[in-house]
Structures are given as structure tokens and as C-alpha cells.
C-alpha atoms as a PDB file:
ATOM      1  CA  UNK A   1      67.991 127.957 109.060  1.00  0.00           C
ATOM      2  CA  UNK A   2      71.495 127.130 107.781  1.00  0.00           C
ATOM      3  CA  UNK A   3      71.737 123.879 105.828  1.00  0.00           C
ATOM      4  CA  UNK A   4      74.691 121.503 106.099  1.00  0.00           C
ATOM      5  CA  UNK A   5      77.084 119.710 108.440  1.00  0.00           C
ATOM      6  CA  UNK A   6      80.603 120.439 109.659  1.00  0.00           C
ATOM      7  CA  UNK A   7      82.105 116.960 109.080  1.00  0.00           C
ATOM      8  CA  UNK A   8      81.984 114.952 105.857  1.00  0.00           C
ATOM      9  CA  UNK A   9      83.572 111.757 104.513  1.00  0.00           C
ATOM     10  CA  UNK A  10      83.991 110.815 100.850  1.00  0.00           C
ATOM     11  CA  UNK A  11      85.074 107.146 100.911  1.00  0.00           C
ATOM     12  CA  UNK A  12      85.536 106.331  97.202  1.00  0.00           C
ATOM     13  CA  UNK A  13      88.020 108.736  95.621  1.00  0.00           C
ATOM     14  CA  UNK A  14      90.311 107.911  92.701  1.00  0.00           C
ATOM     15  CA  UNK A  15      91.713 110.555  90.370  1.00  0.00           C
ATOM     16  CA  UNK A  16      91.559 109.251  86.779  1.00  0.00           C
ATOM     17  CA  UNK A  17      93.977 110.382  84.059  1.00  0.00           C
ATOM     18  CA  UNK A  18      92.730 113.176  81.790  1.00  0.00           C
ATOM     19  CA  UNK A  19      92.360 110.863  78.789  1.00  0.00           C
ATOM     20  CA  UNK A  20      92.156 111.946  75.172  1.00  0.00           C
ATOM     21  CA  UNK A  21      88.585 113.158  74.790  1.00  0.00           C
ATOM     22  CA  UNK A  22      87.271 116.707  74.731  1.00  0.00           C
ATOM     23  CA  UNK A  23      86.002 116.212  78.275  1.00  0.00           C
ATOM     24  CA  UNK A  24      89.019 115.586  80.502  1.00  0.00           C
ATOM     25  CA  UNK A  25      88.950 113.027  83.300  1.00  0.00           C
ATOM     26  CA  UNK A  26      88.889 114.601  86.762  1.00  0.00           C
ATOM     27  CA  UNK A  27      87.494 114.548  90.279  1.00  0.00           C
ATOM     28  CA  UNK A  28      85.761 117.446  91.966  1.00  0.00           C
ATOM     29  CA  UNK A  29      84.274 118.347  95.310  1.00  0.00           C
ATOM     30  CA  UNK A  30      81.506 120.940  95.155  1.00  0.00           C
ATOM     31  CA  UNK A  31      80.858 122.778  98.414  1.00  0.00           C
ATOM     32  CA  UNK A  32      77.867 124.973  99.235  1.00  0.00           C
ATOM     33  CA  UNK A  33      78.237 127.367 102.167  1.00  0.00           C
ATOM     34  CA  UNK A  34      74.747 128.504 103.186  1.00  0.00           C
ATOM     35  CA  UNK A  35      75.986 130.376 106.278  1.00  0.00           C
ATOM     36  CA  UNK A  36      76.717 134.080 106.621  1.00  0.00           C
ATOM     37  CA  UNK A  37      80.365 133.389 107.556  1.00  0.00           C
ATOM     38  CA  UNK A  38      83.305 132.139 105.480  1.00  0.00           C
ATOM     39  CA  UNK A  39      83.757 128.355 105.722  1.00  0.00           C
ATOM     40  CA  UNK A  40      87.327 127.235 106.374  1.00  0.00           C
ATOM     41  CA  UNK A  41      87.636 123.550 105.502  1.00  0.00           C
ATOM     42  CA  UNK A  42      90.477 121.273 106.564  1.00  0.00           C
ATOM     43  CA  UNK A  43      90.977 118.373 104.136  1.00  0.00           C
ATOM     44  CA  UNK A  44      92.510 115.041 105.139  1.00  0.00           C
ATOM     45  CA  UNK A  45      93.307 112.329 102.575  1.00  0.00           C
ATOM     46  CA  UNK A  46      93.470 108.650 103.617  1.00  0.00           C
ATOM     47  CA  UNK A  47      95.369 106.089 101.544  1.00  0.00           C
ATOM     48  CA  UNK A  48      95.553 102.278 101.505  1.00  0.00           C
ATOM     49  CA  UNK A  49      99.324 101.986 101.832  1.00  0.00           C
ATOM     50  CA  UNK A  50     100.714 105.352 102.897  1.00  0.00           C
ATOM     51  CA  UNK A  51     100.208 107.828 105.750  1.00  0.00           C
ATOM     52  CA  UNK A  52      97.277 110.243 105.662  1.00  0.00           C
ATOM     53  CA  UNK A  53      97.935 113.702 104.227  1.00  0.00           C
ATOM     54  CA  UNK A  54      96.311 116.741 105.838  1.00  0.00           C
ATOM     55  CA  UNK A  55      98.015 119.993 104.784  1.00  0.00           C
ATOM     56  CA  UNK A  56      95.114 121.150 102.605  1.00  0.00           C
ATOM     57  CA  UNK A  57      92.780 124.008 103.521  1.00  0.00           C
ATOM     58  CA  UNK A  58      89.898 125.288 101.440  1.00  0.00           C
ATOM     59  CA  UNK A  59      87.766 128.394 101.891  1.00  0.00           C
ATOM     60  CA  UNK A  60      84.259 129.035 100.594  1.00  0.00           C
ATOM     61  CA  UNK A  61      82.740 132.505 100.846  1.00  0.00           C
ATOM     62  CA  UNK A  62      79.467 133.038 102.741  1.00  0.00           C
ATOM     63  CA  UNK A  63      76.307 131.994 100.903  1.00  0.00           C
ATOM     64  CA  UNK A  64      78.177 130.727  97.861  1.00  0.00           C
ATOM     65  CA  UNK A  65      79.392 127.607  96.073  1.00  0.00           C
ATOM     66  CA  UNK A  66      82.847 126.530  94.892  1.00  0.00           C
ATOM     67  CA  UNK A  67      84.068 123.534  92.906  1.00  0.00           C
ATOM     68  CA  UNK A  68      87.475 122.198  93.990  1.00  0.00           C
ATOM     69  CA  UNK A  69      89.294 119.987  91.462  1.00  0.00           C
ATOM     70  CA  UNK A  70      91.602 117.244  92.714  1.00  0.00           C
ATOM     71  CA  UNK A  71      93.777 117.531  89.577  1.00  0.00           C
ATOM     72  CA  UNK A  72      94.338 121.243  90.247  1.00  0.00           C
ATOM     73  CA  UNK A  73      97.496 121.479  92.382  1.00  0.00           C
ATOM     74  CA  UNK A  74      96.536 125.021  93.405  1.00  0.00           C
ATOM     75  CA  UNK A  75      93.179 123.789  94.759  1.00  0.00           C
ATOM     76  CA  UNK A  76      95.065 121.044  96.623  1.00  0.00           C
ATOM     77  CA  UNK A  77      97.455 123.563  98.267  1.00  0.00           C
ATOM     78  CA  UNK A  78     100.458 122.263  96.339  1.00  0.00           C
ATOM     79  CA  UNK A  79      99.728 118.561  96.862  1.00  0.00           C
ATOM     80  CA  UNK A  80      99.644 116.402  93.728  1.00  0.00           C
ATOM     81  CA  UNK A  81      97.003 113.701  94.140  1.00  0.00           C
ATOM     82  CA  UNK A  82      98.340 110.441  92.673  1.00  0.00           C
ATOM     83  CA  UNK A  83      96.497 109.156  89.611  1.00  0.00           C
ATOM     84  CA  UNK A  84      94.567 105.890  89.707  1.00  0.00           C
ATOM     85  CA  UNK A  85      95.075 105.465  93.461  1.00  0.00           C
ATOM     86  CA  UNK A  86      92.280 104.637  95.860  1.00  0.00           C
ATOM     87  CA  UNK A  87      91.881 107.121  98.677  1.00  0.00           C
ATOM     88  CA  UNK A  88      89.246 108.674 100.919  1.00  0.00           C
ATOM     89  CA  UNK A  89      88.701 112.258 101.990  1.00  0.00           C
ATOM     90  CA  UNK A  90      87.553 113.832 105.267  1.00  0.00           C
ATOM     91  CA  UNK A  91      86.376 117.442 105.369  1.00  0.00           C
ATOM     92  CA  UNK A  92      86.163 119.367 108.650  1.00  0.00           C
ATOM     93  CA  UNK A  93      84.533 122.780 108.275  1.00  0.00           C
ATOM     94  CA  UNK A  94      84.255 125.824 110.528  1.00  0.00           C
ATOM     95  CA  UNK A  95      80.688 126.339 109.225  1.00  0.00           C
ATOM     96  CA  UNK A  96      77.955 123.917 108.158  1.00  0.00           C
ATOM     97  CA  UNK A  97      78.416 123.033 104.473  1.00  0.00           C
ATOM     98  CA  UNK A  98      76.873 120.695 101.898  1.00  0.00           C
ATOM     99  CA  UNK A  99      79.310 118.490  99.936  1.00  0.00           C
ATOM    100  CA  UNK A 100      78.932 116.729  96.589  1.00  0.00           C
ATOM    101  CA  UNK A 101      81.622 114.574  94.966  1.00  0.00           C
ATOM    102  CA  UNK A 102      81.965 113.962  91.232  1.00  0.00           C
ATOM    103  CA  UNK A 103      84.268 111.965  88.978  1.00  0.00           C
ATOM    104  CA  UNK A 104      84.598 111.983  85.199  1.00  0.00           C
ATOM    105  CA  UNK A 105      86.416 108.861  84.042  1.00  0.00           C
ATOM    106  CA  UNK A 106      86.993 108.573  80.296  1.00  0.00           C
ATOM    107  CA  UNK A 107      89.548 105.733  80.281  1.00  0.00           C
ATOM    108  CA  UNK A 108      87.076 103.693  78.268  1.00  0.00           C
ATOM    109  CA  UNK A 109      85.110 104.447  75.091  1.00  0.00           C
ATOM    110  CA  UNK A 110      81.872 104.911  77.008  1.00  0.00           C
ATOM    111  CA  UNK A 111      82.952 107.595  79.445  1.00  0.00           C
ATOM    112  CA  UNK A 112      81.501 107.546  82.935  1.00  0.00           C
ATOM    113  CA  UNK A 113      80.528 110.529  85.045  1.00  0.00           C
ATOM    114  CA  UNK A 114      78.930 110.236  88.400  1.00  0.00           C
ATOM    115  CA  UNK A 115      78.225 112.353  91.398  1.00  0.00           C
ATOM    116  CA  UNK A 116      77.262 111.452  94.908  1.00  0.00           C
ATOM    117  CA  UNK A 117      76.588 113.265  98.124  1.00  0.00           C
ATOM    118  CA  UNK A 118      79.251 112.877 100.776  1.00  0.00           C
ATOM    119  CA  UNK A 119      78.375 111.326 104.132  1.00  0.00           C
END
């Protein structure tokens, strides 16, 4: 039995600045592909006050995991995600996948890291 879904939404995205600490602020999307075929994932970003952006494609090898970083322009297919801007993300995959979102925000003394499963 293959675990996962083909469509996912992450509603609360916001790329924080890197900050000054040893651990740098970032966002990440971790994808598990439990299938025996490569997962090709189309990414669409939704913004409050600008048109959606959808020229991002990710690939995850069969039966593997990959962590995509929103502050890595290469991972974002050349798109630079704006800092400190609310947005949402939709993932549409060719294979069932499992998606986890994480954010490390160290803009304050007590840094905050959280993860959540996408919907």
C-alpha cells in the first residue's frame, strides 16, 4: 500500500530572514515519496496582494525523501520567495506523497521552530 495524497495545501507560509544566530532562519517542505515511481510536483504560490506564481516543479525519487528550502533559489526553480510575506502553497503531485512543512524563525531571542503536516 502506497501512503500519501496527490494534492496538498500549506496555508501559513512566511519566509523569515536568516538572522544572526548559528541556526539560520528558513522554511522547508519535506516530501516523502513512498511509490515506486518518481514524483513530479507542481508548486503554486498564493499571495495576499499579487498574482499566484506557478513556474516551480520539484521531483522526488521513488521511495525516498527530499527537503526543499524556500530560501534556496535553485530549489524554487529560480524564483526568489519574498521575505516576511504571507503566502500559501499548493502542491500537485504525479504520485501520492506525504508533505511536512517547517519554519525556523530566529528574529527574536527565543528562536521558534515548528513543523506541521500539510492538508
